[in-house]
N, C-alpha and C. Protein backbone atom coordinates (compact mmCIF):
# COMPACT_ATOMS: atom_id res chain seq x y z
N UNK A 1 88.12 108.88 119.21
CA UNK A 1 89.18 107.30 119.20
C UNK A 1 88.43 106.59 120.80
N UNK A 2 88.82 105.19 120.31
CA UNK A 2 87.91 104.21 121.09
C UNK A 2 89.18 104.44 122.05
N UNK A 3 89.29 104.55 123.75
CA UNK A 3 90.31 103.78 123.99
C UNK A 3 90.80 102.80 124.71
N UNK A 4 92.51 102.46 125.13
CA UNK A 4 92.96 100.96 125.20
C UNK A 4 92.54 100.88 126.17
N UNK A 5 92.09 99.34 125.94
CA UNK A 5 92.23 98.81 127.45
C UNK A 5 93.76 97.64 127.39
N UNK A 6 93.77 98.20 128.80
CA UNK A 6 95.30 96.77 128.91
C UNK A 6 94.88 96.35 130.64
N UNK A 7 95.77 94.66 130.37
CA UNK A 7 95.46 94.61 131.86
C UNK A 7 96.94 94.34 133.31
N UNK A 8 97.18 94.45 133.95
CA UNK A 8 97.65 94.80 134.54
C UNK A 8 97.91 92.91 135.06
N UNK A 9 99.54 92.30 134.08
CA UNK A 9 99.77 91.80 135.26
C UNK A 9 101.76 91.81 135.49
N UNK A 10 101.61 90.94 137.43
CA UNK A 10 102.38 91.27 138.25
C UNK A 10 103.59 90.59 136.53
N UNK A 11 104.55 90.30 136.79
CA UNK A 11 105.96 89.36 136.68
C UNK A 11 106.18 88.30 137.30
N UNK A 12 105.76 87.79 137.11
CA UNK A 12 105.65 86.09 137.57
C UNK A 12 107.59 85.34 137.27
N UNK A 13 108.24 84.94 137.82
CA UNK A 13 109.32 84.45 137.27
C UNK A 13 109.30 83.00 137.84
N UNK A 14 107.89 83.22 137.75
CA UNK A 14 108.10 81.10 137.59
C UNK A 14 107.59 80.78 136.44
N UNK A 15 107.24 81.72 135.65
CA UNK A 15 106.89 81.24 134.24
C UNK A 15 108.35 81.32 133.86
N UNK A 16 109.71 82.55 134.33
CA UNK A 16 110.62 82.62 133.31
C UNK A 16 112.45 81.40 133.43
N UNK A 17 111.74 80.00 133.90
CA UNK A 17 112.51 79.42 135.00
C UNK A 17 112.17 77.24 134.27
N UNK A 18 112.95 77.71 132.36
CA UNK A 18 112.67 77.17 131.96
C UNK A 18 113.20 75.79 131.88
N UNK A 19 114.78 75.26 132.46
CA UNK A 19 115.19 75.00 132.11
C UNK A 19 116.39 74.87 134.06
N UNK A 20 116.78 73.15 133.90
CA UNK A 20 117.92 73.42 135.39
C UNK A 20 118.83 74.58 135.71
N UNK A 21 119.08 74.92 134.91
CA UNK A 21 120.44 76.01 134.58
C UNK A 21 119.07 77.57 135.20
N UNK A 22 118.28 76.85 134.35
CA UNK A 22 117.49 78.73 134.66
C UNK A 22 117.76 78.41 136.11
N UNK A 23 117.24 77.62 137.31
CA UNK A 23 116.38 77.19 138.13
C UNK A 23 118.22 77.29 139.04
N UNK A 24 118.70 77.24 138.69
CA UNK A 24 120.55 76.21 139.59
C UNK A 24 120.67 78.00 139.83
N UNK A 25 120.94 78.83 138.52
CA UNK A 25 121.06 80.84 138.44
C UNK A 25 120.09 81.04 139.59
N UNK A 26 119.19 81.52 139.17
CA UNK A 26 118.28 81.77 140.25
C UNK A 26 117.85 81.46 141.52
N UNK A 27 117.74 80.91 142.13
CA UNK A 27 118.80 79.97 143.07
C UNK A 27 119.54 80.81 144.04
N UNK A 28 120.78 80.53 143.02
CA UNK A 28 121.81 81.12 143.67
C UNK A 28 121.77 82.35 143.47
N UNK A 29 121.07 83.66 142.83
CA UNK A 29 121.27 84.81 143.04
C UNK A 29 120.54 85.21 144.49
N UNK A 30 119.78 84.22 144.71
CA UNK A 30 118.99 84.40 145.97
C UNK A 30 119.13 83.71 147.38
N UNK A 31 120.66 83.11 147.61
CA UNK A 31 121.12 82.77 147.91
C UNK A 31 122.86 83.72 148.63
N UNK A 32 123.03 84.69 147.16
CA UNK A 32 123.75 84.69 147.64
C UNK A 32 123.24 86.10 147.83
N UNK A 33 122.02 86.99 147.96
CA UNK A 33 121.13 88.45 148.33
C UNK A 33 121.90 88.42 150.10
N UNK A 34 122.04 86.94 150.87
CA UNK A 34 121.44 86.55 152.27
C UNK A 34 120.64 87.01 152.06
N UNK A 35 119.51 86.81 152.02
CA UNK A 35 117.97 87.91 153.09
C UNK A 35 117.20 86.72 152.92
N UNK A 36 116.95 85.84 153.91
CA UNK A 36 115.58 84.79 154.05
C UNK A 36 114.47 84.56 153.42
N UNK A 37 113.74 85.84 153.22
CA UNK A 37 112.70 85.80 153.18
C UNK A 37 113.17 85.53 151.43
N UNK A 38 113.66 86.21 150.63
CA UNK A 38 114.25 86.12 148.97
C UNK A 38 114.09 84.91 148.63
N UNK A 39 114.90 83.80 149.83
CA UNK A 39 115.72 82.65 148.86
C UNK A 39 113.70 81.52 149.83
N UNK A 40 112.90 81.91 149.91
CA UNK A 40 112.11 81.46 150.24
C UNK A 40 111.02 81.38 149.42
N UNK A 41 110.83 82.89 149.56
CA UNK A 41 109.86 83.06 147.27
C UNK A 41 110.39 82.49 146.50
N UNK A 42 112.61 82.16 146.18
CA UNK A 42 112.66 81.94 145.12
C UNK A 42 112.17 80.70 145.20
N UNK A 43 112.49 79.94 146.03
CA UNK A 43 112.80 78.30 146.19
C UNK A 43 110.76 77.93 146.16
N UNK A 44 109.93 79.24 146.51
CA UNK A 44 108.55 79.74 146.36
C UNK A 44 107.94 79.74 144.48
N UNK A 45 108.98 80.77 143.26
CA UNK A 45 108.79 80.35 143.06
C UNK A 45 109.44 78.98 141.43
N UNK A 46 110.33 78.10 141.98
CA UNK A 46 110.54 77.51 141.38
C UNK A 46 109.59 75.59 141.44
N UNK A 47 108.89 75.89 143.21
CA UNK A 47 108.20 75.90 143.04
C UNK A 47 106.97 75.38 141.49
N UNK A 48 106.57 76.39 142.38
CA UNK A 48 105.43 77.15 141.28
C UNK A 48 105.97 76.17 140.29
N UNK A 49 107.32 76.43 139.65
CA UNK A 49 107.16 76.21 138.04
C UNK A 49 107.09 74.75 137.65
N UNK A 50 108.01 74.29 138.49
CA UNK A 50 107.97 73.06 139.41
C UNK A 50 105.96 71.79 138.97
N UNK A 51 105.84 73.40 139.63
CA UNK A 51 104.47 72.42 140.25
C UNK A 51 104.34 72.15 140.80
N UNK A 52 103.91 73.21 142.25
CA UNK A 52 103.51 72.89 143.43
C UNK A 52 102.72 72.28 143.62
N UNK A 53 101.80 71.14 142.70
CA UNK A 53 101.09 70.10 143.83
C UNK A 53 101.73 69.24 143.53
N UNK A 54 102.95 68.70 142.30
CA UNK A 54 103.91 67.07 142.40
C UNK A 54 104.94 68.28 143.53
N UNK A 55 105.01 69.27 143.77
CA UNK A 55 106.56 69.63 144.78
C UNK A 55 105.35 68.68 146.67
N UNK A 56 104.16 69.51 146.63
CA UNK A 56 104.12 69.29 147.73
C UNK A 56 103.31 67.13 147.77
N UNK A 57 103.57 66.82 147.04
CA UNK A 57 103.29 65.09 147.12
C UNK A 57 104.38 64.58 147.49
N UNK A 58 105.70 65.40 146.55
CA UNK A 58 106.80 64.85 146.90
C UNK A 58 107.42 65.51 148.75
N UNK A 59 107.41 66.21 148.75
CA UNK A 59 107.52 65.58 150.13
C UNK A 59 107.18 65.84 151.30
N UNK A 60 105.43 65.44 150.81
CA UNK A 60 104.43 65.15 152.03
C UNK A 60 103.95 66.57 152.91
N UNK A 61 104.01 67.83 152.40
CA UNK A 61 104.11 68.72 153.07
C UNK A 61 102.35 69.19 152.25
N UNK A 62 101.68 70.08 152.59
CA UNK A 62 100.17 70.33 152.69
C UNK A 62 100.99 71.58 150.80
N UNK A 63 100.26 71.68 149.73
CA UNK A 63 100.29 72.59 149.25
C UNK A 63 99.88 73.82 149.06
N UNK A 64 98.70 74.53 150.29
CA UNK A 64 97.86 74.98 150.59
C UNK A 64 99.39 76.13 151.81
N UNK A 65 100.21 75.46 153.12
CA UNK A 65 100.91 75.17 153.57
C UNK A 65 102.55 75.47 153.26
N UNK A 66 102.70 75.13 151.43
CA UNK A 66 103.92 75.03 150.84
C UNK A 66 103.35 76.50 149.69
N UNK A 67 102.59 76.45 149.61
CA UNK A 67 102.48 78.08 148.86
C UNK A 67 102.83 79.29 150.00
N UNK A 68 102.21 79.51 151.86
CA UNK A 68 102.63 80.07 152.55
C UNK A 68 103.60 80.02 153.16
N UNK A 69 104.44 79.19 153.12
CA UNK A 69 106.09 78.91 153.70
C UNK A 69 106.78 79.69 152.71
N UNK A 70 106.54 79.81 151.26
CA UNK A 70 107.56 79.83 150.30
C UNK A 70 106.80 80.70 148.94
N UNK A 71 106.71 81.89 150.63
CA UNK A 71 106.87 83.41 149.62
C UNK A 71 107.43 83.84 150.23
N UNK A 72 106.83 85.44 150.33
CA UNK A 72 108.78 86.27 150.84
C UNK A 72 107.59 86.77 152.15
N UNK A 73 106.48 86.51 152.37
CA UNK A 73 106.07 86.36 153.63
C UNK A 73 106.04 85.51 154.36
N UNK A 74 106.66 84.09 154.35
CA UNK A 74 107.12 82.65 154.88
C UNK A 74 108.66 82.84 155.52
N UNK A 75 107.91 82.54 156.35
CA UNK A 75 109.53 81.73 157.03
C UNK A 75 109.75 80.07 157.33
N UNK A 76 110.03 79.29 156.61
CA UNK A 76 109.85 77.72 156.46
C UNK A 76 110.53 77.67 157.37
N UNK A 77 110.19 76.25 158.26
CA UNK A 77 111.88 75.41 158.67
C UNK A 77 112.66 74.78 157.34
N UNK A 78 113.56 75.35 158.28
CA UNK A 78 115.11 74.19 157.95
C UNK A 78 114.43 72.73 156.97
N UNK A 79 114.24 72.48 157.60
CA UNK A 79 113.17 70.90 157.33
C UNK A 79 112.18 70.99 155.84
N UNK A 80 111.77 71.76 155.72
CA UNK A 80 110.05 72.70 154.82
C UNK A 80 111.78 72.83 153.46
N UNK A 81 112.82 73.62 154.39
CA UNK A 81 113.19 74.08 152.35
C UNK A 81 114.66 72.82 152.44
N UNK A 82 114.85 72.02 152.95
CA UNK A 82 115.53 71.11 152.74
C UNK A 82 114.57 69.63 152.01
N UNK A 83 113.80 69.98 151.68
CA UNK A 83 112.43 68.64 151.29
C UNK A 83 112.52 69.19 150.04
N UNK A 84 112.09 70.13 150.36
CA UNK A 84 111.56 71.06 148.41
C UNK A 84 113.20 71.02 147.55
N UNK A 85 114.37 71.41 148.63
CA UNK A 85 115.56 70.99 147.36
C UNK A 85 115.34 69.70 147.01
N UNK A 86 115.34 68.83 147.58
CA UNK A 86 116.02 67.61 147.16
C UNK A 86 114.41 66.79 146.16
N UNK A 87 112.79 67.40 146.58
CA UNK A 87 112.01 66.84 145.81
C UNK A 87 112.08 67.78 143.83
N UNK A 88 113.15 68.75 144.44
CA UNK A 88 113.54 69.80 143.40
C UNK A 88 114.59 69.00 142.37
N UNK A 89 114.99 67.89 143.07
CA UNK A 89 116.74 67.29 142.45
C UNK A 89 117.63 67.95 142.72
N UNK A 90 117.61 69.26 143.20
CA UNK A 90 118.59 69.71 143.78
C UNK A 90 119.80 69.16 145.52
N UNK A 91 120.71 69.58 145.74
CA UNK A 91 121.29 69.75 146.77
C UNK A 91 122.52 71.30 147.84
N UNK A 92 122.03 71.23 148.23
CA UNK A 92 122.69 72.78 149.66
C UNK A 92 123.81 72.12 149.46
N UNK A 93 125.00 73.53 148.94
CA UNK A 93 126.45 72.61 149.05
C UNK A 93 126.64 74.07 149.85
N UNK A 94 128.02 74.25 150.48
CA UNK A 94 128.40 74.56 151.11
C UNK A 94 130.09 75.04 149.99
N UNK A 95 130.55 75.85 150.30
CA UNK A 95 131.97 76.17 149.01
C UNK A 95 132.89 77.54 150.42
N UNK A 96 133.68 77.69 150.08
CA UNK A 96 134.43 78.36 150.89
C UNK A 96 135.27 80.07 149.75
């Protein structure tokens, strides 16, 4: 019997962020974890889902620097986070 060849494909959240509701729920869950690296990575997933090139153009930031900043190893400045959130058509809100 011949061996079956399989490929390993990492799970990519960006492939599943299809609606605004998906994106809001995903980012809300990331915020609730109280982990800045997770939030940066989640913003990166959303930016990739929406199109990193478009986000870079709208924010005035370089695409490669956005990929780096919005990764789990990145440490984006708050101004970068604000620009990305705004370019996604979202708002950051504070509630009690």
